[in-house]
Amino acid sequence: MSPRTGRPHSENPKHVRVETRMTTEDLEKLEYCCKATGKSRSEIVREGIHEVYARLHNLEEN
């Protein structure tokens, strides 16, 4: 039997899909961030979530 082919399994699979509505201006800002960093829309959104979470978490500690 031949070895399995395809992509390897991720250690942290992303199974949840989130959809959002935004203004044209917000989308333009998102696209700018993607082009400037070379990252995907999802990566930029996840980074934003992590930044806001960290800021809020730091406020709770103080």
PDB file of N, CA and C in Angstrom:
ATOM      1  N   MET A   1       0.839  -1.163   0.000  1.00  0.00           N
ATOM      2  CA  MET A   1       0.000   0.000   0.000  1.00  0.00           C
ATOM      3  C   MET A   1       0.898   1.246   0.000  1.00  0.00           C
ATOM      4  N   SER A   2       0.538   2.246  -0.784  1.00  0.00           N
ATOM      5  CA  SER A   2       1.345   3.467  -0.878  1.00  0.00           C
ATOM      6  C   SER A   2       1.077   4.363   0.328  1.00  0.00           C
ATOM      7  N   PRO A   3       2.059   5.232   0.653  1.00  0.00           N
ATOM      8  CA  PRO A   3       1.862   6.132   1.793  1.00  0.00           C
ATOM      9  C   PRO A   3       0.737   7.130   1.507  1.00  0.00           C
ATOM     10  N   ARG A   4       0.141   7.649   2.585  1.00  0.00           N
ATOM     11  CA  ARG A   4      -0.939   8.622   2.429  1.00  0.00           C
ATOM     12  C   ARG A   4      -0.396   9.885   1.789  1.00  0.00           C
ATOM     13  N   THR A   5      -1.192  10.475   0.952  1.00  0.00           N
ATOM     14  CA  THR A   5      -0.789  11.716   0.304  1.00  0.00           C
ATOM     15  C   THR A   5      -1.707  12.843   0.766  1.00  0.00           C
ATOM     16  N   GLY A   6      -1.312  14.059   0.488  1.00  0.00           N
ATOM     17  CA  GLY A   6      -2.110  15.219   0.859  1.00  0.00           C
ATOM     18  C   GLY A   6      -1.410  16.048   1.908  1.00  0.00           C
ATOM     19  N   ARG A   7      -2.089  17.060   2.354  1.00  0.00           N
ATOM     20  CA  ARG A   7      -1.512  17.966   3.346  1.00  0.00           C
ATOM     21  C   ARG A   7      -1.448  17.285   4.709  1.00  0.00           C
ATOM     22  N   PRO A   8      -0.394  17.579   5.473  1.00  0.00           N
ATOM     23  CA  PRO A   8      -0.323  17.017   6.829  1.00  0.00           C
ATOM     24  C   PRO A   8      -1.363  17.681   7.727  1.00  0.00           C
ATOM     25  N   HIS A   9      -1.788  16.969   8.754  1.00  0.00           N
ATOM     26  CA  HIS A   9      -2.763  17.507   9.686  1.00  0.00           C
ATOM     27  C   HIS A   9      -2.141  18.626  10.508  1.00  0.00           C
ATOM     28  N   SER A  10      -2.910  19.661  10.756  1.00  0.00           N
ATOM     29  CA  SER A  10      -2.465  20.801  11.537  1.00  0.00           C
ATOM     30  C   SER A  10      -2.572  20.474  13.024  1.00  0.00           C
ATOM     31  N   GLU A  11      -1.663  21.044  13.816  1.00  0.00           N
ATOM     32  CA  GLU A  11      -1.736  20.869  15.267  1.00  0.00           C
ATOM     33  C   GLU A  11      -2.894  21.677  15.845  1.00  0.00           C
ATOM     34  N   ASN A  12      -3.293  22.741  15.151  1.00  0.00           N
ATOM     35  CA  ASN A  12      -4.369  23.616  15.621  1.00  0.00           C
ATOM     36  C   ASN A  12      -5.327  23.865  14.453  1.00  0.00           C
ATOM     37  N   PRO A  13      -6.146  22.868  14.107  1.00  0.00           N
ATOM     38  CA  PRO A  13      -7.032  23.026  12.945  1.00  0.00           C
ATOM     39  C   PRO A  13      -8.075  24.116  13.167  1.00  0.00           C
ATOM     40  N   LYS A  14      -8.421  24.778  12.091  1.00  0.00           N
ATOM     41  CA  LYS A  14      -9.398  25.862  12.157  1.00  0.00           C
ATOM     42  C   LYS A  14     -10.695  25.360  11.525  1.00  0.00           C
ATOM     43  N   HIS A  15     -11.642  24.966  12.370  1.00  0.00           N
ATOM     44  CA  HIS A  15     -12.890  24.374  11.900  1.00  0.00           C
ATOM     45  C   HIS A  15     -14.046  25.367  11.862  1.00  0.00           C
ATOM     46  N   VAL A  16     -13.920  26.476  12.571  1.00  0.00           N
ATOM     47  CA  VAL A  16     -15.023  27.423  12.686  1.00  0.00           C
ATOM     48  C   VAL A  16     -14.876  28.506  11.629  1.00  0.00           C
ATOM     49  N   ARG A  17     -15.953  28.749  10.913  1.00  0.00           N
ATOM     50  CA  ARG A  17     -15.954  29.778   9.877  1.00  0.00           C
ATOM     51  C   ARG A  17     -16.777  30.952  10.381  1.00  0.00           C
ATOM     52  N   VAL A  18     -16.244  32.163  10.255  1.00  0.00           N
ATOM     53  CA  VAL A  18     -16.926  33.372  10.696  1.00  0.00           C
ATOM     54  C   VAL A  18     -17.086  34.290   9.488  1.00  0.00           C
ATOM     55  N   GLU A  19     -18.278  34.830   9.348  1.00  0.00           N
ATOM     56  CA  GLU A  19     -18.552  35.750   8.245  1.00  0.00           C
ATOM     57  C   GLU A  19     -18.864  37.110   8.840  1.00  0.00           C
ATOM     58  N   THR A  20     -18.434  38.174   8.182  1.00  0.00           N
ATOM     59  CA  THR A  20     -18.687  39.512   8.695  1.00  0.00           C
ATOM     60  C   THR A  20     -19.086  40.445   7.565  1.00  0.00           C
ATOM     61  N   ARG A  21     -19.786  41.484   7.933  1.00  0.00           N
ATOM     62  CA  ARG A  21     -20.149  42.524   6.980  1.00  0.00           C
ATOM     63  C   ARG A  21     -19.321  43.747   7.334  1.00  0.00           C
ATOM     64  N   MET A  22     -18.837  44.453   6.316  1.00  0.00           N
ATOM     65  CA  MET A  22     -18.049  45.650   6.568  1.00  0.00           C
ATOM     66  C   MET A  22     -18.283  46.664   5.466  1.00  0.00           C
ATOM     67  N   THR A  23     -17.891  47.878   5.746  1.00  0.00           N
ATOM     68  CA  THR A  23     -18.021  48.930   4.762  1.00  0.00           C
ATOM     69  C   THR A  23     -16.930  48.778   3.704  1.00  0.00           C
ATOM     70  N   THR A  24     -17.101  49.476   2.613  1.00  0.00           N
ATOM     71  CA  THR A  24     -16.078  49.471   1.565  1.00  0.00           C
ATOM     72  C   THR A  24     -14.773  50.018   2.114  1.00  0.00           C
ATOM     73  N   GLU A  25     -14.862  51.033   2.964  1.00  0.00           N
ATOM     74  CA  GLU A  25     -13.661  51.615   3.566  1.00  0.00           C
ATOM     75  C   GLU A  25     -12.927  50.596   4.438  1.00  0.00           C
ATOM     76  N   ASP A  26     -13.681  49.830   5.234  1.00  0.00           N
ATOM     77  CA  ASP A  26     -13.058  48.798   6.067  1.00  0.00           C
ATOM     78  C   ASP A  26     -12.378  47.740   5.202  1.00  0.00           C
ATOM     79  N   LEU A  27     -13.033  47.342   4.123  1.00  0.00           N
ATOM     80  CA  LEU A  27     -12.454  46.344   3.223  1.00  0.00           C
ATOM     81  C   LEU A  27     -11.187  46.869   2.568  1.00  0.00           C
ATOM     82  N   GLU A  28     -11.191  48.132   2.179  1.00  0.00           N
ATOM     83  CA  GLU A  28      -9.989  48.734   1.584  1.00  0.00           C
ATOM     84  C   GLU A  28      -8.831  48.736   2.578  1.00  0.00           C
ATOM     85  N   LYS A  29      -9.146  49.026   3.835  1.00  0.00           N
ATOM     86  CA  LYS A  29      -8.105  48.999   4.878  1.00  0.00           C
ATOM     87  C   LYS A  29      -7.573  47.587   5.070  1.00  0.00           C
ATOM     88  N   LEU A  30      -8.467  46.615   5.069  1.00  0.00           N
ATOM     89  CA  LEU A  30      -8.060  45.220   5.217  1.00  0.00           C
ATOM     90  C   LEU A  30      -7.178  44.801   4.050  1.00  0.00           C
ATOM     91  N   GLU A  31      -7.573  45.146   2.836  1.00  0.00           N
ATOM     92  CA  GLU A  31      -6.783  44.801   1.651  1.00  0.00           C
ATOM     93  C   GLU A  31      -5.416  45.475   1.689  1.00  0.00           C
ATOM     94  N   TYR A  32      -5.375  46.715   2.148  1.00  0.00           N
ATOM     95  CA  TYR A  32      -4.098  47.417   2.276  1.00  0.00           C
ATOM     96  C   TYR A  32      -3.174  46.664   3.230  1.00  0.00           C
ATOM     97  N   CYS A  33      -3.730  46.265   4.375  1.00  0.00           N
ATOM     98  CA  CYS A  33      -2.934  45.514   5.357  1.00  0.00           C
ATOM     99  C   CYS A  33      -2.418  44.212   4.760  1.00  0.00           C
ATOM    100  N   CYS A  34      -3.247  43.547   3.983  1.00  0.00           N
ATOM    101  CA  CYS A  34      -2.850  42.281   3.361  1.00  0.00           C
ATOM    102  C   CYS A  34      -1.700  42.492   2.381  1.00  0.00           C
ATOM    103  N   LYS A  35      -1.824  43.507   1.539  1.00  0.00           N
ATOM    104  CA  LYS A  35      -0.779  43.777   0.547  1.00  0.00           C
ATOM    105  C   LYS A  35       0.517  44.232   1.212  1.00  0.00           C
ATOM    106  N   ALA A  36       0.401  45.066   2.238  1.00  0.00           N
ATOM    107  CA  ALA A  36       1.582  45.602   2.911  1.00  0.00           C
ATOM    108  C   ALA A  36       2.350  44.529   3.677  1.00  0.00           C
ATOM    109  N   THR A  37       1.626  43.535   4.211  1.00  0.00           N
ATOM    110  CA  THR A  37       2.280  42.516   5.039  1.00  0.00           C
ATOM    111  C   THR A  37       2.485  41.189   4.315  1.00  0.00           C
ATOM    112  N   GLY A  38       1.748  40.989   3.217  1.00  0.00           N
ATOM    113  CA  GLY A  38       1.823  39.702   2.516  1.00  0.00           C
ATOM    114  C   GLY A  38       1.033  38.612   3.226  1.00  0.00           C
ATOM    115  N   LYS A  39       0.163  39.020   4.154  1.00  0.00           N
ATOM    116  CA  LYS A  39      -0.634  38.055   4.912  1.00  0.00           C
ATOM    117  C   LYS A  39      -2.039  37.977   4.346  1.00  0.00           C
ATOM    118  N   SER A  40      -2.732  36.901   4.683  1.00  0.00           N
ATOM    119  CA  SER A  40      -4.102  36.711   4.223  1.00  0.00           C
ATOM    120  C   SER A  40      -5.067  37.545   5.062  1.00  0.00           C
ATOM    121  N   ARG A  41      -6.286  37.685   4.557  1.00  0.00           N
ATOM    122  CA  ARG A  41      -7.321  38.387   5.315  1.00  0.00           C
ATOM    123  C   ARG A  41      -7.506  37.742   6.685  1.00  0.00           C
ATOM    124  N   SER A  42      -7.560  36.420   6.692  1.00  0.00           N
ATOM    125  CA  SER A  42      -7.763  35.695   7.952  1.00  0.00           C
ATOM    126  C   SER A  42      -6.644  35.975   8.944  1.00  0.00           C
ATOM    127  N   GLU A  43      -5.412  35.987   8.456  1.00  0.00           N
ATOM    128  CA  GLU A  43      -4.286  36.250   9.355  1.00  0.00           C
ATOM    129  C   GLU A  43      -4.366  37.646   9.954  1.00  0.00           C
ATOM    130  N   ILE A  44      -4.742  38.629   9.137  1.00  0.00           N
ATOM    131  CA  ILE A  44      -4.861  39.999   9.633  1.00  0.00           C
ATOM    132  C   ILE A  44      -5.972  40.090  10.668  1.00  0.00           C
ATOM    133  N   VAL A  45      -7.108  39.472  10.399  1.00  0.00           N
ATOM    134  CA  VAL A  45      -8.229  39.498  11.354  1.00  0.00           C
ATOM    135  C   VAL A  45      -7.830  38.816  12.650  1.00  0.00           C
ATOM    136  N   ARG A  46      -7.162  37.659  12.569  1.00  0.00           N
ATOM    137  CA  ARG A  46      -6.732  36.967  13.789  1.00  0.00           C
ATOM    138  C   ARG A  46      -5.757  37.831  14.589  1.00  0.00           C
ATOM    139  N   GLU A  47      -4.824  38.510  13.892  1.00  0.00           N
ATOM    140  CA  GLU A  47      -3.888  39.396  14.591  1.00  0.00           C
ATOM    141  C   GLU A  47      -4.641  40.509  15.315  1.00  0.00           C
ATOM    142  N   GLY A  48      -5.655  41.075  14.651  1.00  0.00           N
ATOM    143  CA  GLY A  48      -6.456  42.124  15.277  1.00  0.00           C
ATOM    144  C   GLY A  48      -7.161  41.620  16.522  1.00  0.00           C
ATOM    145  N   ILE A  49      -7.700  40.426  16.453  1.00  0.00           N
ATOM    146  CA  ILE A  49      -8.375  39.833  17.611  1.00  0.00           C
ATOM    147  C   ILE A  49      -7.384  39.656  18.755  1.00  0.00           C
ATOM    148  N   HIS A  50      -6.196  39.149  18.455  1.00  0.00           N
ATOM    149  CA  HIS A  50      -5.185  38.936  19.491  1.00  0.00           C
ATOM    150  C   HIS A  50      -4.756  40.264  20.119  1.00  0.00           C
ATOM    151  N   GLU A  51      -4.615  41.311  19.305  1.00  0.00           N
ATOM    152  CA  GLU A  51      -4.210  42.617  19.833  1.00  0.00           C
ATOM    153  C   GLU A  51      -5.274  43.200  20.755  1.00  0.00           C
ATOM    154  N   VAL A  52      -6.525  43.166  20.349  1.00  0.00           N
ATOM    155  CA  VAL A  52      -7.605  43.700  21.183  1.00  0.00           C
ATOM    156  C   VAL A  52      -7.732  42.879  22.464  1.00  0.00           C
ATOM    157  N   TYR A  53      -7.655  41.554  22.346  1.00  0.00           N
ATOM    158  CA  TYR A  53      -7.742  40.694  23.524  1.00  0.00           C
ATOM    159  C   TYR A  53      -6.621  41.022  24.509  1.00  0.00           C
ATOM    160  N   ALA A  54      -5.396  41.165  24.015  1.00  0.00           N
ATOM    161  CA  ALA A  54      -4.250  41.459  24.884  1.00  0.00           C
ATOM    162  C   ALA A  54      -4.436  42.810  25.568  1.00  0.00           C
ATOM    163  N   ARG A  55      -4.923  43.799  24.827  1.00  0.00           N
ATOM    164  CA  ARG A  55      -5.143  45.127  25.404  1.00  0.00           C
ATOM    165  C   ARG A  55      -6.199  45.063  26.510  1.00  0.00           C
ATOM    166  N   LEU A  56      -7.291  44.364  26.265  1.00  0.00           N
ATOM    167  CA  LEU A  56      -8.348  44.244  27.272  1.00  0.00           C
ATOM    168  C   LEU A  56      -7.876  43.444  28.481  1.00  0.00           C
ATOM    169  N   HIS A  57      -7.119  42.389  28.215  1.00  0.00           N
ATOM    170  CA  HIS A  57      -6.610  41.547  29.302  1.00  0.00           C
ATOM    171  C   HIS A  57      -5.663  42.351  30.183  1.00  0.00           C
ATOM    172  N   ASN A  58      -4.837  43.212  29.575  1.00  0.00           N
ATOM    173  CA  ASN A  58      -3.918  44.047  30.340  1.00  0.00           C
ATOM    174  C   ASN A  58      -4.677  45.063  31.181  1.00  0.00           C
ATOM    175  N   LEU A  59      -5.799  45.578  30.673  1.00  0.00           N
ATOM    176  CA  LEU A  59      -6.605  46.516  31.451  1.00  0.00           C
ATOM    177  C   LEU A  59      -7.190  45.853  32.688  1.00  0.00           C
ATOM    178  N   GLU A  60      -7.593  44.610  32.560  1.00  0.00           N
ATOM    179  CA  GLU A  60      -8.175  43.875  33.687  1.00  0.00           C
ATOM    180  C   GLU A  60      -7.138  43.630  34.778  1.00  0.00           C
ATOM    181  N   GLU A  61      -5.881  43.456  34.383  1.00  0.00           N
ATOM    182  CA  GLU A  61      -4.833  43.180  35.356  1.00  0.00           C
ATOM    183  C   GLU A  61      -4.437  44.427  36.138  1.00  0.00           C
ATOM    184  N   ASN A  62      -4.643  45.603  35.564  1.00  0.00           N
ATOM    185  CA  ASN A  62      -4.241  46.853  36.227  1.00  0.00           C
ATOM    186  C   ASN A  62      -5.298  47.409  37.095  1.00  0.00           C
TER     187      ASN A  62
END
